[in-house]
Amino acid sequence: MLSKEKLQRINELSAKAKKEGLSLKEQKEQKELREAYLKNVRQSFKNQLKSVKIVDEEGNDVTPEKLKKDKNNDPFIH
């Protein structure tokens, strides 16, 4: 998870970009922070997907094999 300080900085840079624009250094910082944020979101989403189990109306597990395989290879889910 991204720290509160980094999230706050992302918001500060976004607001400043809308009001007055950013320097090249700030643009680079904003890009790096956004990439870190998106990486974190993607990882969280993948972790959430690994905990999903799909069951049909009859109670049969119909979770896709790829998802089952990913779940079995994850050292944090067991």
PDB file of N, CA and C in Angstrom:
ATOM      1  N   MET A   1       0.834  -1.182   0.000  1.00  0.00           N
ATOM      2  CA  MET A   1       0.000   0.000   0.000  1.00  0.00           C
ATOM      3  C   MET A   1       0.876   1.242   0.000  1.00  0.00           C
ATOM      4  N   LEU A   2       0.451   2.232  -0.751  1.00  0.00           N
ATOM      5  CA  LEU A   2       1.193   3.485  -0.809  1.00  0.00           C
ATOM      6  C   LEU A   2       0.967   4.267   0.480  1.00  0.00           C
ATOM      7  N   SER A   3       1.993   4.947   0.932  1.00  0.00           N
ATOM      8  CA  SER A   3       1.878   5.716   2.170  1.00  0.00           C
ATOM      9  C   SER A   3       0.942   6.913   1.978  1.00  0.00           C
ATOM     10  N   LYS A   4       0.421   7.405   3.085  1.00  0.00           N
ATOM     11  CA  LYS A   4      -0.465   8.577   3.040  1.00  0.00           C
ATOM     12  C   LYS A   4       0.271   9.777   2.455  1.00  0.00           C
ATOM     13  N   GLU A   5       1.550   9.879   2.765  1.00  0.00           N
ATOM     14  CA  GLU A   5       2.346  11.001   2.268  1.00  0.00           C
ATOM     15  C   GLU A   5       2.443  10.973   0.744  1.00  0.00           C
ATOM     16  N   LYS A   6       2.656   9.787   0.188  1.00  0.00           N
ATOM     17  CA  LYS A   6       2.763   9.679  -1.273  1.00  0.00           C
ATOM     18  C   LYS A   6       1.425   9.958  -1.941  1.00  0.00           C
ATOM     19  N   LEU A   7       0.342   9.459  -1.359  1.00  0.00           N
ATOM     20  CA  LEU A   7      -0.982   9.741  -1.915  1.00  0.00           C
ATOM     21  C   LEU A   7      -1.282  11.233  -1.843  1.00  0.00           C
ATOM     22  N   GLN A   8      -0.920  11.847  -0.745  1.00  0.00           N
ATOM     23  CA  GLN A   8      -1.124  13.286  -0.588  1.00  0.00           C
ATOM     24  C   GLN A   8      -0.308  14.054  -1.631  1.00  0.00           C
ATOM     25  N   ARG A   9       0.916  13.613  -1.864  1.00  0.00           N
ATOM     26  CA  ARG A   9       1.780  14.280  -2.847  1.00  0.00           C
ATOM     27  C   ARG A   9       1.205  14.131  -4.258  1.00  0.00           C
ATOM     28  N   ILE A  10       0.659  12.968  -4.577  1.00  0.00           N
ATOM     29  CA  ILE A  10       0.014  12.768  -5.883  1.00  0.00           C
ATOM     30  C   ILE A  10      -1.099  13.796  -6.054  1.00  0.00           C
ATOM     31  N   ASN A  11      -1.914  13.960  -5.028  1.00  0.00           N
ATOM     32  CA  ASN A  11      -3.018  14.912  -5.091  1.00  0.00           C
ATOM     33  C   ASN A  11      -2.534  16.352  -5.189  1.00  0.00           C
ATOM     34  N   GLU A  12      -1.470  16.675  -4.461  1.00  0.00           N
ATOM     35  CA  GLU A  12      -0.903  18.024  -4.525  1.00  0.00           C
ATOM     36  C   GLU A  12      -0.407  18.343  -5.937  1.00  0.00           C
ATOM     37  N   LEU A  13       0.320  17.403  -6.513  1.00  0.00           N
ATOM     38  CA  LEU A  13       0.851  17.624  -7.860  1.00  0.00           C
ATOM     39  C   LEU A  13      -0.271  17.722  -8.891  1.00  0.00           C
ATOM     40  N   SER A  14      -1.307  16.926  -8.717  1.00  0.00           N
ATOM     41  CA  SER A  14      -2.441  16.973  -9.629  1.00  0.00           C
ATOM     42  C   SER A  14      -3.131  18.334  -9.568  1.00  0.00           C
ATOM     43  N   ALA A  15      -3.350  18.820  -8.371  1.00  0.00           N
ATOM     44  CA  ALA A  15      -3.985  20.128  -8.194  1.00  0.00           C
ATOM     45  C   ALA A  15      -3.117  21.238  -8.778  1.00  0.00           C
ATOM     46  N   LYS A  16      -1.827  21.157  -8.516  1.00  0.00           N
ATOM     47  CA  LYS A  16      -0.911  22.183  -9.027  1.00  0.00           C
ATOM     48  C   LYS A  16      -0.860  22.149 -10.550  1.00  0.00           C
ATOM     49  N   ALA A  17      -0.888  20.954 -11.123  1.00  0.00           N
ATOM     50  CA  ALA A  17      -0.853  20.821 -12.583  1.00  0.00           C
ATOM     51  C   ALA A  17      -2.070  21.498 -13.213  1.00  0.00           C
ATOM     52  N   LYS A  18      -3.219  21.375 -12.564  1.00  0.00           N
ATOM     53  CA  LYS A  18      -4.440  21.995 -13.087  1.00  0.00           C
ATOM     54  C   LYS A  18      -4.414  23.513 -12.950  1.00  0.00           C
ATOM     55  N   LYS A  19      -3.844  24.013 -11.857  1.00  0.00           N
ATOM     56  CA  LYS A  19      -3.853  25.453 -11.574  1.00  0.00           C
ATOM     57  C   LYS A  19      -2.783  26.217 -12.341  1.00  0.00           C
ATOM     58  N   GLU A  20      -1.552  25.750 -12.228  1.00  0.00           N
ATOM     59  CA  GLU A  20      -0.445  26.545 -12.755  1.00  0.00           C
ATOM     60  C   GLU A  20       0.564  25.768 -13.590  1.00  0.00           C
ATOM     61  N   GLY A  21       0.458  24.466 -13.622  1.00  0.00           N
ATOM     62  CA  GLY A  21       1.406  23.652 -14.367  1.00  0.00           C
ATOM     63  C   GLY A  21       2.547  23.177 -13.484  1.00  0.00           C
ATOM     64  N   LEU A  22       3.268  22.206 -13.994  1.00  0.00           N
ATOM     65  CA  LEU A  22       4.357  21.599 -13.234  1.00  0.00           C
ATOM     66  C   LEU A  22       5.691  21.832 -13.929  1.00  0.00           C
ATOM     67  N   SER A  23       6.746  21.901 -13.121  1.00  0.00           N
ATOM     68  CA  SER A  23       8.093  21.952 -13.672  1.00  0.00           C
ATOM     69  C   SER A  23       8.435  20.560 -14.206  1.00  0.00           C
ATOM     70  N   LEU A  24       9.501  20.446 -14.951  1.00  0.00           N
ATOM     71  CA  LEU A  24       9.925  19.144 -15.473  1.00  0.00           C
ATOM     72  C   LEU A  24      10.222  18.164 -14.340  1.00  0.00           C
ATOM     73  N   LYS A  25      10.827  18.668 -13.277  1.00  0.00           N
ATOM     74  CA  LYS A  25      11.139  17.824 -12.120  1.00  0.00           C
ATOM     75  C   LYS A  25       9.851  17.315 -11.475  1.00  0.00           C
ATOM     76  N   GLU A  26       8.865  18.192 -11.353  1.00  0.00           N
ATOM     77  CA  GLU A  26       7.583  17.788 -10.761  1.00  0.00           C
ATOM     78  C   GLU A  26       6.827  16.821 -11.668  1.00  0.00           C
ATOM     79  N   GLN A  27       6.931  17.037 -12.969  1.00  0.00           N
ATOM     80  CA  GLN A  27       6.290  16.118 -13.912  1.00  0.00           C
ATOM     81  C   GLN A  27       6.881  14.717 -13.786  1.00  0.00           C
ATOM     82  N   LYS A  28       8.193  14.648 -13.648  1.00  0.00           N
ATOM     83  CA  LYS A  28       8.859  13.359 -13.482  1.00  0.00           C
ATOM     84  C   LYS A  28       8.426  12.706 -12.171  1.00  0.00           C
ATOM     85  N   GLU A  29       8.382  13.502 -11.101  1.00  0.00           N
ATOM     86  CA  GLU A  29       7.949  12.982  -9.803  1.00  0.00           C
ATOM     87  C   GLU A  29       6.512  12.468  -9.885  1.00  0.00           C
ATOM     88  N   GLN A  30       5.644  13.228 -10.551  1.00  0.00           N
ATOM     89  CA  GLN A  30       4.246  12.836 -10.691  1.00  0.00           C
ATOM     90  C   GLN A  30       4.128  11.518 -11.453  1.00  0.00           C
ATOM     91  N   LYS A  31       4.894  11.383 -12.512  1.00  0.00           N
ATOM     92  CA  LYS A  31       4.866  10.161 -13.308  1.00  0.00           C
ATOM     93  C   LYS A  31       5.307   8.955 -12.469  1.00  0.00           C
ATOM     94  N   GLU A  32       6.384   9.119 -11.706  1.00  0.00           N
ATOM     95  CA  GLU A  32       6.886   8.029 -10.872  1.00  0.00           C
ATOM     96  C   GLU A  32       5.880   7.641  -9.786  1.00  0.00           C
ATOM     97  N   LEU A  33       5.253   8.641  -9.178  1.00  0.00           N
ATOM     98  CA  LEU A  33       4.262   8.365  -8.140  1.00  0.00           C
ATOM     99  C   LEU A  33       3.037   7.663  -8.720  1.00  0.00           C
ATOM    100  N   ARG A  34       2.611   8.101  -9.895  1.00  0.00           N
ATOM    101  CA  ARG A  34       1.463   7.465 -10.539  1.00  0.00           C
ATOM    102  C   ARG A  34       1.768   6.019 -10.904  1.00  0.00           C
ATOM    103  N   GLU A  35       2.967   5.768 -11.401  1.00  0.00           N
ATOM    104  CA  GLU A  35       3.362   4.397 -11.744  1.00  0.00           C
ATOM    105  C   GLU A  35       3.369   3.510 -10.500  1.00  0.00           C
ATOM    106  N   ALA A  36       3.875   4.029  -9.401  1.00  0.00           N
ATOM    107  CA  ALA A  36       3.892   3.267  -8.147  1.00  0.00           C
ATOM    108  C   ALA A  36       2.465   2.996  -7.679  1.00  0.00           C
ATOM    109  N   TYR A  37       1.597   4.003  -7.808  1.00  0.00           N
ATOM    110  CA  TYR A  37       0.200   3.843  -7.408  1.00  0.00           C
ATOM    111  C   TYR A  37      -0.486   2.772  -8.251  1.00  0.00           C
ATOM    112  N   LEU A  38      -0.306   2.842  -9.571  1.00  0.00           N
ATOM    113  CA  LEU A  38      -0.936   1.860 -10.458  1.00  0.00           C
ATOM    114  C   LEU A  38      -0.393   0.454 -10.220  1.00  0.00           C
ATOM    115  N   LYS A  39       0.886   0.346  -9.960  1.00  0.00           N
ATOM    116  CA  LYS A  39       1.476  -0.962  -9.657  1.00  0.00           C
ATOM    117  C   LYS A  39       0.822  -1.550  -8.410  1.00  0.00           C
ATOM    118  N   ASN A  40       0.610  -0.705  -7.417  1.00  0.00           N
ATOM    119  CA  ASN A  40      -0.022  -1.135  -6.175  1.00  0.00           C
ATOM    120  C   ASN A  40      -1.470  -1.564  -6.411  1.00  0.00           C
ATOM    121  N   VAL A  41      -2.204  -0.800  -7.202  1.00  0.00           N
ATOM    122  CA  VAL A  41      -3.603  -1.132  -7.505  1.00  0.00           C
ATOM    123  C   VAL A  41      -3.680  -2.463  -8.245  1.00  0.00           C
ATOM    124  N   ARG A  42      -2.813  -2.642  -9.234  1.00  0.00           N
ATOM    125  CA  ARG A  42      -2.814  -3.891 -10.005  1.00  0.00           C
ATOM    126  C   ARG A  42      -2.508  -5.093  -9.122  1.00  0.00           C
ATOM    127  N   GLN A  43      -1.529  -4.950  -8.240  1.00  0.00           N
ATOM    128  CA  GLN A  43      -1.166  -6.052  -7.353  1.00  0.00           C
ATOM    129  C   GLN A  43      -2.306  -6.382  -6.398  1.00  0.00           C
ATOM    130  N   SER A  44      -2.956  -5.356  -5.877  1.00  0.00           N
ATOM    131  CA  SER A  44      -4.095  -5.578  -4.980  1.00  0.00           C
ATOM    132  C   SER A  44      -5.209  -6.311  -5.705  1.00  0.00           C
ATOM    133  N   PHE A  45      -5.458  -5.925  -6.949  1.00  0.00           N
ATOM    134  CA  PHE A  45      -6.503  -6.566  -7.738  1.00  0.00           C
ATOM    135  C   PHE A  45      -6.163  -8.027  -8.005  1.00  0.00           C
ATOM    136  N   LYS A  46      -4.907  -8.296  -8.350  1.00  0.00           N
ATOM    137  CA  LYS A  46      -4.481  -9.678  -8.585  1.00  0.00           C
ATOM    138  C   LYS A  46      -4.639 -10.515  -7.327  1.00  0.00           C
ATOM    139  N   ASN A  47      -4.274  -9.953  -6.187  1.00  0.00           N
ATOM    140  CA  ASN A  47      -4.419 -10.680  -4.923  1.00  0.00           C
ATOM    141  C   ASN A  47      -5.877 -10.958  -4.622  1.00  0.00           C
ATOM    142  N   GLN A  48      -6.727 -10.004  -4.924  1.00  0.00           N
ATOM    143  CA  GLN A  48      -8.152 -10.195  -4.697  1.00  0.00           C
ATOM    144  C   GLN A  48      -8.698 -11.293  -5.609  1.00  0.00           C
ATOM    145  N   LEU A  49      -8.267 -11.306  -6.860  1.00  0.00           N
ATOM    146  CA  LEU A  49      -8.711 -12.341  -7.792  1.00  0.00           C
ATOM    147  C   LEU A  49      -8.288 -13.737  -7.340  1.00  0.00           C
ATOM    148  N   LYS A  50      -7.115 -13.827  -6.740  1.00  0.00           N
ATOM    149  CA  LYS A  50      -6.622 -15.131  -6.292  1.00  0.00           C
ATOM    150  C   LYS A  50      -7.481 -15.728  -5.190  1.00  0.00           C
ATOM    151  N   SER A  51      -8.259 -14.892  -4.523  1.00  0.00           N
ATOM    152  CA  SER A  51      -9.100 -15.402  -3.445  1.00  0.00           C
ATOM    153  C   SER A  51     -10.505 -15.752  -3.924  1.00  0.00           C
ATOM    154  N   VAL A  52     -10.764 -15.592  -5.220  1.00  0.00           N
ATOM    155  CA  VAL A  52     -12.091 -15.850  -5.768  1.00  0.00           C
ATOM    156  C   VAL A  52     -12.266 -17.330  -6.100  1.00  0.00           C
ATOM    157  N   LYS A  53     -13.444 -17.835  -5.783  1.00  0.00           N
ATOM    158  CA  LYS A  53     -13.822 -19.204  -6.150  1.00  0.00           C
ATOM    159  C   LYS A  53     -15.162 -19.091  -6.866  1.00  0.00           C
ATOM    160  N   ILE A  54     -15.255 -19.641  -8.050  1.00  0.00           N
ATOM    161  CA  ILE A  54     -16.482 -19.555  -8.845  1.00  0.00           C
ATOM    162  C   ILE A  54     -17.231 -20.879  -8.741  1.00  0.00           C
ATOM    163  N   VAL A  55     -18.492 -20.776  -8.363  1.00  0.00           N
ATOM    164  CA  VAL A  55     -19.332 -21.954  -8.163  1.00  0.00           C
ATOM    165  C   VAL A  55     -20.583 -21.804  -9.022  1.00  0.00           C
ATOM    166  N   ASP A  56     -20.968 -22.887  -9.736  1.00  0.00           N
ATOM    167  CA  ASP A  56     -22.183 -22.831 -10.558  1.00  0.00           C
ATOM    168  C   ASP A  56     -23.422 -23.077  -9.694  1.00  0.00           C
ATOM    169  N   GLU A  57     -24.585 -23.080 -10.356  1.00  0.00           N
ATOM    170  CA  GLU A  57     -25.859 -23.229  -9.645  1.00  0.00           C
ATOM    171  C   GLU A  57     -25.956 -24.532  -8.867  1.00  0.00           C
ATOM    172  N   GLU A  58     -25.231 -25.546  -9.317  1.00  0.00           N
ATOM    173  CA  GLU A  58     -25.295 -26.866  -8.685  1.00  0.00           C
ATOM    174  C   GLU A  58     -24.255 -27.040  -7.578  1.00  0.00           C
ATOM    175  N   GLY A  59     -23.469 -26.001  -7.344  1.00  0.00           N
ATOM    176  CA  GLY A  59     -22.463 -26.064  -6.286  1.00  0.00           C
ATOM    177  C   GLY A  59     -21.121 -26.595  -6.735  1.00  0.00           C
ATOM    178  N   ASN A  60     -20.939 -26.787  -8.044  1.00  0.00           N
ATOM    179  CA  ASN A  60     -19.665 -27.282  -8.561  1.00  0.00           C
ATOM    180  C   ASN A  60     -18.666 -26.138  -8.708  1.00  0.00           C
ATOM    181  N   ASP A  61     -17.449 -26.422  -8.337  1.00  0.00           N
ATOM    182  CA  ASP A  61     -16.385 -25.430  -8.492  1.00  0.00           C
ATOM    183  C   ASP A  61     -16.042 -25.316  -9.980  1.00  0.00           C
ATOM    184  N   VAL A  62     -16.268 -24.149 -10.568  1.00  0.00           N
ATOM    185  CA  VAL A  62     -15.971 -23.927 -11.987  1.00  0.00           C
ATOM    186  C   VAL A  62     -14.928 -22.823 -12.166  1.00  0.00           C
ATOM    187  N   THR A  63     -14.097 -22.678 -11.156  1.00  0.00           N
ATOM    188  CA  THR A  63     -13.027 -21.697 -11.215  1.00  0.00           C
ATOM    189  C   THR A  63     -12.096 -22.058 -12.378  1.00  0.00           C
ATOM    190  N   PRO A  64     -11.733 -21.080 -13.230  1.00  0.00           N
ATOM    191  CA  PRO A  64     -10.823 -21.381 -14.337  1.00  0.00           C
ATOM    192  C   PRO A  64      -9.510 -21.985 -13.844  1.00  0.00           C
ATOM    193  N   GLU A  65      -8.990 -22.928 -14.612  1.00  0.00           N
ATOM    194  CA  GLU A  65      -7.766 -23.638 -14.225  1.00  0.00           C
ATOM    195  C   GLU A  65      -6.590 -22.678 -14.022  1.00  0.00           C
ATOM    196  N   LYS A  66      -6.493 -21.651 -14.854  1.00  0.00           N
ATOM    197  CA  LYS A  66      -5.389 -20.704 -14.718  1.00  0.00           C
ATOM    198  C   LYS A  66      -5.434 -20.030 -13.350  1.00  0.00           C
ATOM    199  N   LEU A  67      -6.620 -19.658 -12.911  1.00  0.00           N
ATOM    200  CA  LEU A  67      -6.758 -19.027 -11.599  1.00  0.00           C
ATOM    201  C   LEU A  67      -6.426 -20.012 -10.486  1.00  0.00           C
ATOM    202  N   LYS A  68      -6.855 -21.260 -10.620  1.00  0.00           N
ATOM    203  CA  LYS A  68      -6.524 -22.285  -9.622  1.00  0.00           C
ATOM    204  C   LYS A  68      -5.011 -22.488  -9.551  1.00  0.00           C
ATOM    205  N   LYS A  69      -4.375 -22.513 -10.725  1.00  0.00           N
ATOM    206  CA  LYS A  69      -2.927 -22.714 -10.783  1.00  0.00           C
ATOM    207  C   LYS A  69      -2.204 -21.546 -10.106  1.00  0.00           C
ATOM    208  N   ASP A  70      -2.639 -20.316 -10.407  1.00  0.00           N
ATOM    209  CA  ASP A  70      -2.031 -19.143  -9.782  1.00  0.00           C
ATOM    210  C   ASP A  70      -2.203 -19.183  -8.275  1.00  0.00           C
ATOM    211  N   LYS A  71      -3.366 -19.624  -7.825  1.00  0.00           N
ATOM    212  CA  LYS A  71      -3.652 -19.716  -6.397  1.00  0.00           C
ATOM    213  C   LYS A  71      -2.713 -20.721  -5.736  1.00  0.00           C
ATOM    214  N   ASN A  72      -2.507 -21.867  -6.395  1.00  0.00           N
ATOM    215  CA  ASN A  72      -1.645 -22.917  -5.837  1.00  0.00           C
ATOM    216  C   ASN A  72      -0.173 -22.524  -5.810  1.00  0.00           C
ATOM    217  N   ASN A  73       0.233 -21.637  -6.695  1.00  0.00           N
ATOM    218  CA  ASN A  73       1.639 -21.211  -6.755  1.00  0.00           C
ATOM    219  C   ASN A  73       1.929 -20.009  -5.876  1.00  0.00           C
ATOM    220  N   ASP A  74       0.921 -19.453  -5.240  1.00  0.00           N
ATOM    221  CA  ASP A  74       1.097 -18.288  -4.403  1.00  0.00           C
ATOM    222  C   ASP A  74       1.458 -18.741  -2.983  1.00  0.00           C
ATOM    223  N   PRO A  75       2.654 -18.379  -2.500  1.00  0.00           N
ATOM    224  CA  PRO A  75       3.077 -18.820  -1.162  1.00  0.00           C
ATOM    225  C   PRO A  75       2.284 -18.164  -0.029  1.00  0.00           C
ATOM    226  N   PHE A  76       1.549 -17.084  -0.329  1.00  0.00           N
ATOM    227  CA  PHE A  76       0.801 -16.383   0.717  1.00  0.00           C
ATOM    228  C   PHE A  76      -0.616 -16.889   0.877  1.00  0.00           C
ATOM    229  N   ILE A  77      -1.069 -17.749  -0.028  1.00  0.00           N
ATOM    230  CA  ILE A  77      -2.426 -18.307   0.059  1.00  0.00           C
ATOM    231  C   ILE A  77      -2.308 -19.789   0.344  1.00  0.00           C
ATOM    232  N   HIS A  78      -2.401 -20.174   1.550  1.00  0.00           N
ATOM    233  CA  HIS A  78      -2.423 -21.591   1.965  1.00  0.00           C
ATOM    234  C   HIS A  78      -2.714 -21.660   3.426  1.00  0.00           C
TER     235      HIS A  78
END
